[in-house]
């Protein structure tokens, strides 16, 4: 397996498994934690992410298929999704294409939130384009049974990430919100909460 990314929480490797091209995500042990607690936390977070990926796909959002979970080593073996990041596609696309991507982004987030799922790290780096679809990856910080506040935070973090990565495209962000509201009956309520959260940060 070839190491392709090393983060604070996990290592990502690419290779072959049972004649399939796969990604293996391994949660890194933390020496500052008691070994038993560390194993328990990494195991729980691995199982939680696998469950979220599965439930997101059931909700209509393309996510990698999980082929294997090794709870002893806190590892997930999953389908390799080959394609550009939405982050890169946005920077090289026509305004019409940017609009299409923003609408798809808003629709997919609405599908997640309708099922009570928050991604926890909504950035255009965690969205891939493959086979004519937008795939969501890395649900490490995600959760289920989300409150209005948590869904509002999800959107707020996306706006901050969008502003940081795509400042020249910020005028397209309302397209994301419009699509989100069209596909989620509580969309107006969540967008209001997102704006409230933004104001809190501005005046504290």
N, C-alpha and C. Protein backbone atom coordinates (compact mmCIF):
# COMPACT_ATOMS: atom_id res chain seq x y z
N UNK A 1 0.84 -1.19 0.00
CA UNK A 1 0.00 0.00 0.00
C UNK A 1 0.89 1.26 0.00
N UNK A 2 0.53 2.20 -0.83
CA UNK A 2 1.29 3.45 -0.93
C UNK A 2 0.65 4.52 -0.04
N UNK A 3 1.45 5.10 0.84
CA UNK A 3 0.97 6.19 1.69
C UNK A 3 0.77 7.43 0.82
N UNK A 4 -0.44 7.97 0.81
CA UNK A 4 -0.70 9.15 0.00
C UNK A 4 -1.02 10.38 0.83
N UNK A 5 -1.39 10.18 2.10
CA UNK A 5 -1.62 11.34 2.96
C UNK A 5 -1.48 10.94 4.41
N UNK A 6 -0.84 11.79 5.19
CA UNK A 6 -0.71 11.57 6.62
C UNK A 6 -1.24 12.81 7.34
N UNK A 7 -2.28 12.63 8.14
CA UNK A 7 -2.85 13.73 8.90
C UNK A 7 -2.65 13.51 10.39
N UNK A 8 -3.17 14.43 11.19
CA UNK A 8 -3.03 14.32 12.64
C UNK A 8 -3.79 13.12 13.19
N UNK A 9 -4.90 12.77 12.54
CA UNK A 9 -5.75 11.70 13.05
C UNK A 9 -5.64 10.39 12.28
N UNK A 10 -5.25 10.48 11.01
CA UNK A 10 -5.29 9.25 10.19
C UNK A 10 -4.26 9.27 9.08
N UNK A 11 -3.92 8.08 8.61
CA UNK A 11 -3.07 7.90 7.44
C UNK A 11 -3.92 7.27 6.33
N UNK A 12 -3.72 7.74 5.11
CA UNK A 12 -4.48 7.25 3.96
C UNK A 12 -3.51 6.55 3.01
N UNK A 13 -3.82 5.31 2.67
CA UNK A 13 -3.01 4.54 1.73
C UNK A 13 -3.86 4.08 0.55
N UNK A 14 -3.19 3.94 -0.57
CA UNK A 14 -3.87 3.47 -1.78
C UNK A 14 -3.21 2.18 -2.25
N UNK A 15 -4.03 1.23 -2.70
CA UNK A 15 -3.46 -0.02 -3.18
C UNK A 15 -4.53 -0.95 -3.71
N UNK A 16 -4.27 -2.24 -3.66
CA UNK A 16 -5.18 -3.26 -4.16
C UNK A 16 -5.63 -4.16 -3.02
N UNK A 17 -6.89 -4.57 -3.06
CA UNK A 17 -7.44 -5.47 -2.05
C UNK A 17 -8.46 -6.35 -2.74
N UNK A 18 -8.23 -7.65 -2.71
CA UNK A 18 -9.12 -8.60 -3.39
C UNK A 18 -9.40 -8.17 -4.83
N UNK A 19 -8.32 -7.79 -5.50
CA UNK A 19 -8.37 -7.41 -6.92
C UNK A 19 -9.18 -6.13 -7.17
N UNK A 20 -9.30 -5.29 -6.14
CA UNK A 20 -9.98 -4.00 -6.30
C UNK A 20 -9.01 -2.88 -5.97
N UNK A 21 -9.18 -1.72 -6.63
CA UNK A 21 -8.44 -0.52 -6.26
C UNK A 21 -9.12 0.08 -5.03
N UNK A 22 -8.34 0.28 -3.98
CA UNK A 22 -8.94 0.72 -2.71
C UNK A 22 -8.13 1.83 -2.05
N UNK A 23 -8.80 2.45 -1.09
CA UNK A 23 -8.19 3.36 -0.13
C UNK A 23 -8.31 2.71 1.24
N UNK A 24 -7.23 2.73 2.00
CA UNK A 24 -7.26 2.24 3.38
C UNK A 24 -7.00 3.42 4.31
N UNK A 25 -7.94 3.67 5.20
CA UNK A 25 -7.81 4.76 6.17
C UNK A 25 -7.52 4.17 7.53
N UNK A 26 -6.39 4.54 8.12
CA UNK A 26 -5.96 4.00 9.42
C UNK A 26 -5.89 5.13 10.43
N UNK A 27 -6.63 5.00 11.52
CA UNK A 27 -6.54 6.01 12.57
C UNK A 27 -5.26 5.78 13.38
N UNK A 28 -4.54 6.87 13.58
CA UNK A 28 -3.20 6.80 14.18
C UNK A 28 -3.30 6.70 15.70
N UNK A 29 -2.58 5.75 16.33
CA UNK A 29 -2.56 5.68 17.80
C UNK A 29 -1.98 6.96 18.40
N UNK A 30 -2.51 7.34 19.55
CA UNK A 30 -2.04 8.54 20.27
C UNK A 30 -1.35 8.10 21.56
N UNK A 31 -0.06 8.36 21.65
CA UNK A 31 0.73 7.90 22.79
C UNK A 31 0.34 8.59 24.09
N UNK A 32 -0.29 9.77 24.01
CA UNK A 32 -0.65 10.50 25.23
C UNK A 32 -1.91 9.95 25.89
N UNK A 33 -2.61 9.03 25.20
CA UNK A 33 -3.80 8.43 25.78
C UNK A 33 -3.46 7.05 26.35
N UNK A 34 -4.19 6.65 27.35
CA UNK A 34 -4.05 5.28 27.86
C UNK A 34 -4.33 4.31 26.71
N UNK A 35 -3.51 3.27 26.55
CA UNK A 35 -3.66 2.37 25.39
C UNK A 35 -5.07 1.81 25.22
N UNK A 36 -5.69 1.41 26.32
CA UNK A 36 -7.03 0.83 26.21
C UNK A 36 -8.04 1.87 25.75
N UNK A 37 -7.94 3.10 26.30
CA UNK A 37 -8.83 4.17 25.90
C UNK A 37 -8.59 4.55 24.44
N UNK A 38 -7.31 4.59 24.05
CA UNK A 38 -6.95 4.95 22.68
C UNK A 38 -7.56 3.95 21.69
N UNK A 39 -7.43 2.66 21.98
CA UNK A 39 -8.00 1.64 21.10
C UNK A 39 -9.52 1.77 21.00
N UNK A 40 -10.14 2.02 22.15
CA UNK A 40 -11.59 2.14 22.18
C UNK A 40 -12.07 3.35 21.36
N UNK A 41 -11.39 4.49 21.51
CA UNK A 41 -11.78 5.70 20.78
C UNK A 41 -11.59 5.53 19.28
N UNK A 42 -10.43 4.98 18.89
CA UNK A 42 -10.16 4.82 17.46
C UNK A 42 -11.13 3.82 16.84
N UNK A 43 -11.43 2.77 17.57
CA UNK A 43 -12.39 1.77 17.09
C UNK A 43 -13.78 2.41 16.92
N UNK A 44 -14.23 3.15 17.93
CA UNK A 44 -15.55 3.77 17.88
C UNK A 44 -15.65 4.78 16.73
N UNK A 45 -14.61 5.57 16.55
CA UNK A 45 -14.64 6.59 15.49
C UNK A 45 -14.61 5.95 14.10
N UNK A 46 -13.90 4.84 13.97
CA UNK A 46 -13.87 4.12 12.69
C UNK A 46 -15.25 3.56 12.38
N UNK A 47 -15.87 2.92 13.35
CA UNK A 47 -17.20 2.35 13.13
C UNK A 47 -18.23 3.45 12.84
N UNK A 48 -18.10 4.59 13.55
CA UNK A 48 -19.03 5.70 13.34
C UNK A 48 -18.91 6.25 11.92
N UNK A 49 -17.67 6.42 11.45
CA UNK A 49 -17.49 6.95 10.10
C UNK A 49 -18.03 5.98 9.05
N UNK A 50 -17.79 4.69 9.24
CA UNK A 50 -18.30 3.70 8.30
C UNK A 50 -19.83 3.74 8.26
N UNK A 51 -20.45 3.88 9.41
CA UNK A 51 -21.92 3.94 9.48
C UNK A 51 -22.44 5.20 8.76
N UNK A 52 -21.75 6.32 8.96
CA UNK A 52 -22.17 7.56 8.32
C UNK A 52 -22.04 7.48 6.80
N UNK A 53 -20.95 6.90 6.31
CA UNK A 53 -20.77 6.74 4.87
C UNK A 53 -21.90 5.90 4.28
N UNK A 54 -22.25 4.84 4.98
CA UNK A 54 -23.34 3.97 4.51
C UNK A 54 -24.68 4.71 4.54
N UNK A 55 -24.97 5.41 5.62
CA UNK A 55 -26.25 6.09 5.74
C UNK A 55 -26.35 7.27 4.76
N UNK A 56 -25.23 7.94 4.51
CA UNK A 56 -25.23 9.03 3.53
C UNK A 56 -25.58 8.49 2.15
N UNK A 57 -25.01 7.33 1.79
CA UNK A 57 -25.32 6.73 0.50
C UNK A 57 -26.79 6.33 0.43
N UNK A 58 -27.33 5.81 1.52
CA UNK A 58 -28.76 5.47 1.55
C UNK A 58 -29.63 6.72 1.38
N UNK A 59 -29.11 7.87 1.83
CA UNK A 59 -29.85 9.12 1.72
C UNK A 59 -29.78 9.72 0.32
N UNK A 60 -28.97 9.11 -0.56
CA UNK A 60 -28.88 9.60 -1.93
C UNK A 60 -27.62 10.37 -2.26
N UNK A 61 -26.65 10.37 -1.33
CA UNK A 61 -25.39 11.07 -1.55
C UNK A 61 -24.31 10.04 -1.87
N UNK A 62 -23.69 10.11 -3.04
CA UNK A 62 -22.64 9.15 -3.38
C UNK A 62 -21.47 9.20 -2.39
N UNK A 63 -21.12 8.05 -1.84
CA UNK A 63 -19.98 7.91 -0.94
C UNK A 63 -19.27 6.60 -1.28
N UNK A 64 -17.99 6.48 -0.91
CA UNK A 64 -17.27 5.23 -1.19
C UNK A 64 -17.91 4.04 -0.46
N UNK A 65 -17.92 2.90 -1.14
CA UNK A 65 -18.39 1.66 -0.52
C UNK A 65 -17.32 1.15 0.45
N UNK A 66 -17.74 0.75 1.65
CA UNK A 66 -16.83 0.17 2.63
C UNK A 66 -16.73 -1.33 2.35
N UNK A 67 -15.51 -1.81 2.09
CA UNK A 67 -15.30 -3.23 1.82
C UNK A 67 -14.95 -4.01 3.08
N UNK A 68 -14.25 -3.36 4.01
CA UNK A 68 -13.79 -4.09 5.19
C UNK A 68 -13.50 -3.11 6.32
N UNK A 69 -13.79 -3.54 7.55
CA UNK A 69 -13.46 -2.75 8.74
C UNK A 69 -12.63 -3.63 9.66
N UNK A 70 -11.45 -3.16 10.00
CA UNK A 70 -10.56 -3.86 10.93
C UNK A 70 -10.60 -3.08 12.24
N UNK A 71 -11.46 -3.52 13.17
CA UNK A 71 -11.62 -2.77 14.41
C UNK A 71 -10.38 -2.86 15.29
N UNK A 72 -9.62 -3.96 15.19
CA UNK A 72 -8.41 -4.11 16.01
C UNK A 72 -7.39 -3.02 15.69
N UNK A 73 -7.33 -2.65 14.40
CA UNK A 73 -6.35 -1.64 13.98
C UNK A 73 -7.00 -0.32 13.57
N UNK A 74 -8.29 -0.19 13.81
CA UNK A 74 -9.03 1.03 13.48
C UNK A 74 -8.80 1.42 12.02
N UNK A 75 -9.03 0.45 11.12
CA UNK A 75 -8.82 0.67 9.69
C UNK A 75 -10.09 0.40 8.91
N UNK A 76 -10.28 1.21 7.87
CA UNK A 76 -11.36 0.98 6.91
C UNK A 76 -10.76 0.80 5.53
N UNK A 77 -11.19 -0.24 4.83
CA UNK A 77 -10.82 -0.42 3.43
C UNK A 77 -12.04 -0.06 2.60
N UNK A 78 -11.88 0.88 1.70
CA UNK A 78 -13.03 1.39 0.95
C UNK A 78 -12.71 1.58 -0.53
N UNK A 79 -13.76 1.73 -1.28
CA UNK A 79 -13.68 1.95 -2.71
C UNK A 79 -12.84 3.19 -3.02
N UNK A 80 -11.97 3.07 -4.02
CA UNK A 80 -11.21 4.22 -4.51
C UNK A 80 -12.07 5.00 -5.48
N UNK A 81 -12.28 6.28 -5.20
CA UNK A 81 -13.02 7.16 -6.10
C UNK A 81 -12.00 7.99 -6.87
N UNK A 82 -11.91 7.77 -8.16
CA UNK A 82 -10.92 8.46 -8.99
C UNK A 82 -11.57 9.65 -9.68
N UNK A 83 -11.04 10.83 -9.43
CA UNK A 83 -11.58 12.03 -10.07
C UNK A 83 -11.09 13.26 -9.36
N UNK A 84 -11.28 14.42 -9.97
CA UNK A 84 -10.80 15.68 -9.38
C UNK A 84 -11.62 16.09 -8.17
N UNK A 85 -10.98 16.85 -7.30
CA UNK A 85 -11.70 17.46 -6.20
C UNK A 85 -12.60 18.57 -6.74
N UNK A 86 -13.73 18.77 -6.10
CA UNK A 86 -14.60 19.89 -6.47
C UNK A 86 -13.83 21.21 -6.31
N UNK A 87 -12.95 21.26 -5.33
CA UNK A 87 -12.13 22.46 -5.12
C UNK A 87 -11.39 22.85 -6.39
N UNK A 88 -10.77 21.87 -7.05
CA UNK A 88 -9.99 22.15 -8.25
C UNK A 88 -10.90 22.44 -9.44
N UNK A 89 -12.00 21.71 -9.54
CA UNK A 89 -12.93 21.90 -10.65
C UNK A 89 -13.54 23.29 -10.64
N UNK A 90 -13.87 23.79 -9.44
CA UNK A 90 -14.47 25.12 -9.34
C UNK A 90 -13.54 26.20 -9.88
N UNK A 91 -12.24 26.01 -9.66
CA UNK A 91 -11.27 27.04 -10.03
C UNK A 91 -11.02 27.08 -11.53
N UNK A 92 -11.39 26.04 -12.26
CA UNK A 92 -11.07 25.99 -13.69
C UNK A 92 -12.31 25.95 -14.57
N UNK A 93 -13.49 26.08 -13.97
CA UNK A 93 -14.74 25.90 -14.71
C UNK A 93 -15.34 27.22 -15.18
N UNK A 94 -16.23 27.10 -16.15
CA UNK A 94 -17.00 28.25 -16.61
C UNK A 94 -18.02 28.64 -15.54
N UNK A 95 -18.54 29.87 -15.59
CA UNK A 95 -19.58 30.25 -14.61
C UNK A 95 -20.78 29.31 -14.63
N UNK A 96 -21.14 28.81 -15.81
CA UNK A 96 -22.27 27.89 -15.90
C UNK A 96 -21.98 26.59 -15.15
N UNK A 97 -20.77 26.09 -15.34
CA UNK A 97 -20.38 24.85 -14.65
C UNK A 97 -20.28 25.07 -13.15
N UNK A 98 -19.77 26.21 -12.74
CA UNK A 98 -19.71 26.53 -11.30
C UNK A 98 -21.12 26.51 -10.71
N UNK A 99 -22.06 27.07 -11.44
CA UNK A 99 -23.44 27.08 -10.97
C UNK A 99 -23.98 25.66 -10.82
N UNK A 100 -23.69 24.79 -11.78
CA UNK A 100 -24.13 23.39 -11.71
C UNK A 100 -23.55 22.70 -10.47
N UNK A 101 -22.26 22.91 -10.24
CA UNK A 101 -21.60 22.28 -9.09
C UNK A 101 -22.19 22.79 -7.78
N UNK A 102 -22.46 24.08 -7.72
CA UNK A 102 -23.04 24.65 -6.49
C UNK A 102 -24.43 24.10 -6.23
N UNK A 103 -25.22 23.93 -7.29
CA UNK A 103 -26.56 23.36 -7.11
C UNK A 103 -26.48 21.91 -6.62
N UNK A 104 -25.55 21.15 -7.18
CA UNK A 104 -25.38 19.76 -6.76
C UNK A 104 -24.91 19.69 -5.30
N UNK A 105 -24.01 20.60 -4.94
CA UNK A 105 -23.51 20.65 -3.57
C UNK A 105 -24.66 20.91 -2.59
N UNK A 106 -25.46 21.92 -2.89
CA UNK A 106 -26.58 22.25 -2.01
C UNK A 106 -27.57 21.10 -1.89
N UNK A 107 -27.84 20.43 -3.02
CA UNK A 107 -28.78 19.30 -3.01
C UNK A 107 -28.25 18.16 -2.15
N UNK A 108 -26.97 17.84 -2.30
CA UNK A 108 -26.39 16.73 -1.54
C UNK A 108 -26.40 17.01 -0.04
N UNK A 109 -26.07 18.23 0.33
CA UNK A 109 -26.07 18.59 1.76
C UNK A 109 -27.49 18.52 2.31
N UNK A 110 -28.45 18.94 1.50
CA UNK A 110 -29.86 18.83 1.92
C UNK A 110 -30.23 17.38 2.18
N UNK A 111 -29.80 16.48 1.30
CA UNK A 111 -30.11 15.06 1.48
C UNK A 111 -29.51 14.52 2.79
N UNK A 112 -28.29 14.97 3.11
CA UNK A 112 -27.67 14.56 4.38
C UNK A 112 -28.49 15.06 5.56
N UNK A 113 -28.78 16.36 5.54
CA UNK A 113 -29.46 16.97 6.67
C UNK A 113 -30.88 16.44 6.84
N UNK A 114 -31.53 16.09 5.74
CA UNK A 114 -32.87 15.50 5.84
C UNK A 114 -32.84 14.20 6.63
N UNK A 115 -31.71 13.50 6.58
CA UNK A 115 -31.56 12.26 7.34
C UNK A 115 -30.93 12.49 8.71
N UNK A 116 -30.73 13.75 9.08
CA UNK A 116 -30.15 14.06 10.38
C UNK A 116 -28.65 13.86 10.44
N UNK A 117 -27.99 13.81 9.29
CA UNK A 117 -26.54 13.60 9.24
C UNK A 117 -25.84 14.93 9.00
N UNK A 118 -24.83 15.23 9.81
CA UNK A 118 -23.95 16.37 9.51
C UNK A 118 -22.58 15.81 9.15
N UNK A 119 -21.95 16.45 8.18
CA UNK A 119 -20.64 15.99 7.71
C UNK A 119 -19.53 16.38 8.67
N UNK A 120 -19.60 17.58 9.21
CA UNK A 120 -18.62 18.02 10.20
C UNK A 120 -17.38 18.69 9.63
N UNK A 121 -17.12 18.49 8.33
CA UNK A 121 -15.95 19.10 7.70
C UNK A 121 -16.27 19.36 6.24
N UNK A 122 -17.32 20.14 6.01
CA UNK A 122 -17.77 20.42 4.65
C UNK A 122 -16.83 21.40 3.97
N UNK A 123 -15.94 20.88 3.16
CA UNK A 123 -15.07 21.69 2.33
C UNK A 123 -15.10 21.10 0.92
N UNK A 124 -14.73 21.90 -0.05
CA UNK A 124 -14.74 21.39 -1.43
C UNK A 124 -13.58 20.43 -1.68
N UNK A 125 -12.68 20.28 -0.71
CA UNK A 125 -11.65 19.25 -0.81
C UNK A 125 -12.19 17.87 -0.43
N UNK A 126 -13.31 17.84 0.27
CA UNK A 126 -13.92 16.57 0.68
C UNK A 126 -15.07 16.17 -0.24
N UNK A 127 -15.04 16.72 -1.45
CA UNK A 127 -16.02 16.38 -2.48
C UNK A 127 -15.24 16.06 -3.75
N UNK A 128 -15.58 14.94 -4.37
CA UNK A 128 -14.88 14.50 -5.58
C UNK A 128 -15.87 14.36 -6.73
N UNK A 129 -15.38 14.49 -7.95
CA UNK A 129 -16.20 14.31 -9.14
C UNK A 129 -15.76 13.05 -9.87
N UNK A 130 -16.70 12.13 -10.04
CA UNK A 130 -16.38 10.87 -10.71
C UNK A 130 -17.66 10.28 -11.27
N UNK A 131 -17.57 9.74 -12.50
CA UNK A 131 -18.71 9.07 -13.14
C UNK A 131 -19.92 9.98 -13.22
N UNK A 132 -19.69 11.27 -13.44
CA UNK A 132 -20.78 12.22 -13.59
C UNK A 132 -21.51 12.57 -12.32
N UNK A 133 -20.91 12.25 -11.16
CA UNK A 133 -21.57 12.50 -9.88
C UNK A 133 -20.61 13.19 -8.91
N UNK A 134 -21.18 13.81 -7.88
CA UNK A 134 -20.38 14.44 -6.83
C UNK A 134 -20.38 13.51 -5.61
N UNK A 135 -19.19 13.09 -5.21
CA UNK A 135 -19.03 12.15 -4.10
C UNK A 135 -18.54 12.89 -2.87
N UNK A 136 -19.09 12.54 -1.71
CA UNK A 136 -18.65 13.12 -0.44
C UNK A 136 -17.78 12.10 0.29
N UNK A 137 -16.64 12.56 0.79
CA UNK A 137 -15.71 11.68 1.49
C UNK A 137 -15.38 12.27 2.86
N UNK A 138 -14.69 11.49 3.68
CA UNK A 138 -14.15 11.90 4.98
C UNK A 138 -15.22 12.43 5.94
N UNK A 139 -15.95 11.49 6.53
CA UNK A 139 -16.96 11.83 7.53
C UNK A 139 -16.40 11.69 8.95
N UNK A 140 -15.10 11.88 9.10
CA UNK A 140 -14.45 11.69 10.41
C UNK A 140 -15.09 12.51 11.52
N UNK A 141 -15.53 13.72 11.19
CA UNK A 141 -16.09 14.62 12.20
C UNK A 141 -17.62 14.66 12.16
N UNK A 142 -18.20 13.73 11.40
CA UNK A 142 -19.64 13.73 11.24
C UNK A 142 -20.38 13.12 12.41
N UNK A 143 -21.70 13.32 12.40
CA UNK A 143 -22.54 12.74 13.44
C UNK A 143 -23.96 12.57 12.91
N UNK A 144 -24.76 11.82 13.68
CA UNK A 144 -26.13 11.53 13.31
C UNK A 144 -27.07 12.19 14.30
N UNK A 145 -28.38 12.14 13.97
CA UNK A 145 -29.41 12.74 14.84
C UNK A 145 -29.07 14.20 15.15
N UNK A 146 -28.68 14.93 14.12
CA UNK A 146 -28.18 16.30 14.30
C UNK A 146 -29.29 17.26 14.67
N UNK A 147 -28.93 18.24 15.50
CA UNK A 147 -29.86 19.31 15.88
C UNK A 147 -29.82 20.42 14.83
N UNK A 148 -30.76 21.36 14.94
CA UNK A 148 -30.76 22.53 14.06
C UNK A 148 -29.44 23.28 14.19
N UNK A 149 -28.95 23.41 15.40
CA UNK A 149 -27.68 24.09 15.64
C UNK A 149 -26.54 23.40 14.89
N UNK A 150 -26.49 22.08 14.98
CA UNK A 150 -25.40 21.34 14.32
C UNK A 150 -25.47 21.46 12.80
N UNK A 151 -26.68 21.45 12.26
CA UNK A 151 -26.82 21.61 10.82
C UNK A 151 -26.45 23.03 10.40
N UNK A 152 -26.81 24.00 11.24
CA UNK A 152 -26.42 25.39 10.97
C UNK A 152 -24.91 25.55 10.98
N UNK A 153 -24.25 24.89 11.92
CA UNK A 153 -22.79 24.94 11.99
C UNK A 153 -22.18 24.30 10.75
N UNK A 154 -22.78 23.20 10.28
CA UNK A 154 -22.30 22.53 9.07
C UNK A 154 -22.26 23.52 7.90
N UNK A 155 -23.37 24.25 7.70
CA UNK A 155 -23.44 25.23 6.61
C UNK A 155 -22.49 26.40 6.85
N UNK A 156 -22.39 26.84 8.10
CA UNK A 156 -21.51 27.96 8.43
C UNK A 156 -20.06 27.61 8.11
N UNK A 157 -19.64 26.39 8.46
CA UNK A 157 -18.28 25.97 8.18
C UNK A 157 -18.04 25.86 6.68
N UNK A 158 -19.06 25.41 5.93
CA UNK A 158 -18.92 25.37 4.47
C UNK A 158 -18.72 26.77 3.92
N UNK A 159 -19.48 27.73 4.43
CA UNK A 159 -19.33 29.10 3.93
C UNK A 159 -17.94 29.64 4.22
N UNK A 160 -17.44 29.38 5.43
CA UNK A 160 -16.09 29.83 5.78
C UNK A 160 -15.05 29.16 4.88
N UNK A 161 -15.20 27.86 4.65
CA UNK A 161 -14.26 27.14 3.80
C UNK A 161 -14.34 27.66 2.36
N UNK A 162 -15.56 27.94 1.89
CA UNK A 162 -15.76 28.45 0.54
C UNK A 162 -15.12 29.82 0.40
N UNK A 163 -15.30 30.65 1.42
CA UNK A 163 -14.71 31.99 1.39
C UNK A 163 -13.19 31.93 1.38
N UNK A 164 -12.63 30.97 2.10
CA UNK A 164 -11.18 30.83 2.16
C UNK A 164 -10.61 30.26 0.87
N UNK A 165 -11.25 29.21 0.33
CA UNK A 165 -10.70 28.52 -0.84
C UNK A 165 -11.12 29.16 -2.16
N UNK A 166 -12.29 29.81 -2.16
CA UNK A 166 -12.83 30.34 -3.42
C UNK A 166 -13.36 31.78 -3.25
N UNK A 167 -12.52 32.70 -2.79
CA UNK A 167 -13.01 34.06 -2.52
C UNK A 167 -13.60 34.74 -3.75
N UNK A 168 -13.10 34.43 -4.95
CA UNK A 168 -13.63 35.07 -6.15
C UNK A 168 -14.96 34.48 -6.58
N UNK A 169 -15.36 33.36 -5.97
CA UNK A 169 -16.62 32.71 -6.33
C UNK A 169 -17.67 32.85 -5.24
N UNK A 170 -17.41 33.70 -4.27
CA UNK A 170 -18.32 33.80 -3.12
C UNK A 170 -19.72 34.25 -3.55
N UNK A 171 -19.81 34.96 -4.67
CA UNK A 171 -21.14 35.39 -5.13
C UNK A 171 -21.99 34.21 -5.61
N UNK A 172 -21.35 33.03 -5.75
CA UNK A 172 -22.10 31.83 -6.12
C UNK A 172 -22.64 31.07 -4.90
N UNK A 173 -22.22 31.46 -3.70
CA UNK A 173 -22.65 30.71 -2.51
C UNK A 173 -24.17 30.70 -2.34
N UNK A 174 -24.86 31.80 -2.66
CA UNK A 174 -26.33 31.75 -2.56
C UNK A 174 -26.97 30.66 -3.42
N UNK A 175 -26.29 30.24 -4.50
CA UNK A 175 -26.82 29.14 -5.32
C UNK A 175 -26.85 27.86 -4.49
N UNK A 176 -25.80 27.64 -3.70
CA UNK A 176 -25.75 26.46 -2.82
C UNK A 176 -26.93 26.51 -1.85
N UNK A 177 -27.13 27.66 -1.22
CA UNK A 177 -28.20 27.78 -0.23
C UNK A 177 -29.58 27.64 -0.88
N UNK A 178 -29.73 28.19 -2.09
CA UNK A 178 -31.01 28.08 -2.78
C UNK A 178 -31.35 26.63 -3.08
N UNK A 179 -30.37 25.88 -3.58
CA UNK A 179 -30.58 24.46 -3.88
C UNK A 179 -30.85 23.68 -2.59
N UNK A 180 -30.14 24.02 -1.54
CA UNK A 180 -30.33 23.38 -0.24
C UNK A 180 -31.77 23.54 0.23
N UNK A 181 -32.28 24.77 0.14
CA UNK A 181 -33.65 25.04 0.61
C UNK A 181 -34.70 24.37 -0.27
N UNK A 182 -34.40 24.25 -1.57
CA UNK A 182 -35.34 23.58 -2.47
C UNK A 182 -35.48 22.10 -2.15
N UNK A 183 -34.44 21.52 -1.56
CA UNK A 183 -34.42 20.07 -1.35
C UNK A 183 -34.57 19.65 0.11
N UNK A 184 -34.83 20.61 0.99
CA UNK A 184 -34.99 20.29 2.41
C UNK A 184 -36.08 21.18 2.98
N UNK A 185 -37.15 20.57 3.45
CA UNK A 185 -38.31 21.33 3.91
C UNK A 185 -37.97 22.25 5.09
N UNK A 186 -36.91 21.94 5.82
CA UNK A 186 -36.51 22.82 6.94
C UNK A 186 -35.34 23.71 6.54
N UNK A 187 -35.10 23.82 5.26
CA UNK A 187 -33.94 24.56 4.77
C UNK A 187 -33.90 26.01 5.22
N UNK A 188 -35.06 26.69 5.15
CA UNK A 188 -35.09 28.11 5.57
C UNK A 188 -34.67 28.26 7.03
N UNK A 189 -35.16 27.38 7.86
CA UNK A 189 -34.84 27.41 9.29
C UNK A 189 -33.34 27.20 9.51
N UNK A 190 -32.74 26.26 8.79
CA UNK A 190 -31.32 25.96 8.98
C UNK A 190 -30.46 27.10 8.45
N UNK A 191 -30.85 27.70 7.33
CA UNK A 191 -30.08 28.82 6.78
C UNK A 191 -30.15 30.02 7.74
N UNK A 192 -31.32 30.24 8.35
CA UNK A 192 -31.41 31.32 9.35
C UNK A 192 -30.46 31.04 10.51
N UNK A 193 -30.40 29.79 10.94
CA UNK A 193 -29.49 29.42 12.03
C UNK A 193 -28.04 29.63 11.60
N UNK A 194 -27.71 29.29 10.37
CA UNK A 194 -26.35 29.51 9.86
C UNK A 194 -25.98 30.99 9.95
N UNK A 195 -26.89 31.86 9.55
CA UNK A 195 -26.63 33.30 9.58
C UNK A 195 -26.49 33.79 11.02
N UNK A 196 -27.32 33.24 11.90
CA UNK A 196 -27.22 33.60 13.33
C UNK A 196 -25.85 33.22 13.89
N UNK A 197 -25.36 32.04 13.53
CA UNK A 197 -24.06 31.57 13.99
C UNK A 197 -22.96 32.48 13.45
N UNK A 198 -23.09 32.92 12.21
CA UNK A 198 -22.12 33.84 11.64
C UNK A 198 -22.07 35.17 12.37
N UNK A 199 -23.24 35.66 12.76
CA UNK A 199 -23.29 36.93 13.51
C UNK A 199 -22.67 36.78 14.90
N UNK A 200 -22.87 35.63 15.52
CA UNK A 200 -22.27 35.40 16.84
C UNK A 200 -20.76 35.55 16.78
N UNK A 201 -20.16 34.92 15.79
CA UNK A 201 -18.70 34.99 15.65
C UNK A 201 -18.22 36.39 15.38
N UNK A 202 -19.02 37.16 14.67
CA UNK A 202 -18.60 38.50 14.29
C UNK A 202 -18.58 39.45 15.46
N UNK A 203 -19.47 39.23 16.42
CA UNK A 203 -19.61 40.21 17.50
C UNK A 203 -19.12 39.72 18.86
N UNK A 204 -18.41 38.59 18.87
CA UNK A 204 -17.87 38.13 20.15
C UNK A 204 -16.38 38.43 20.22
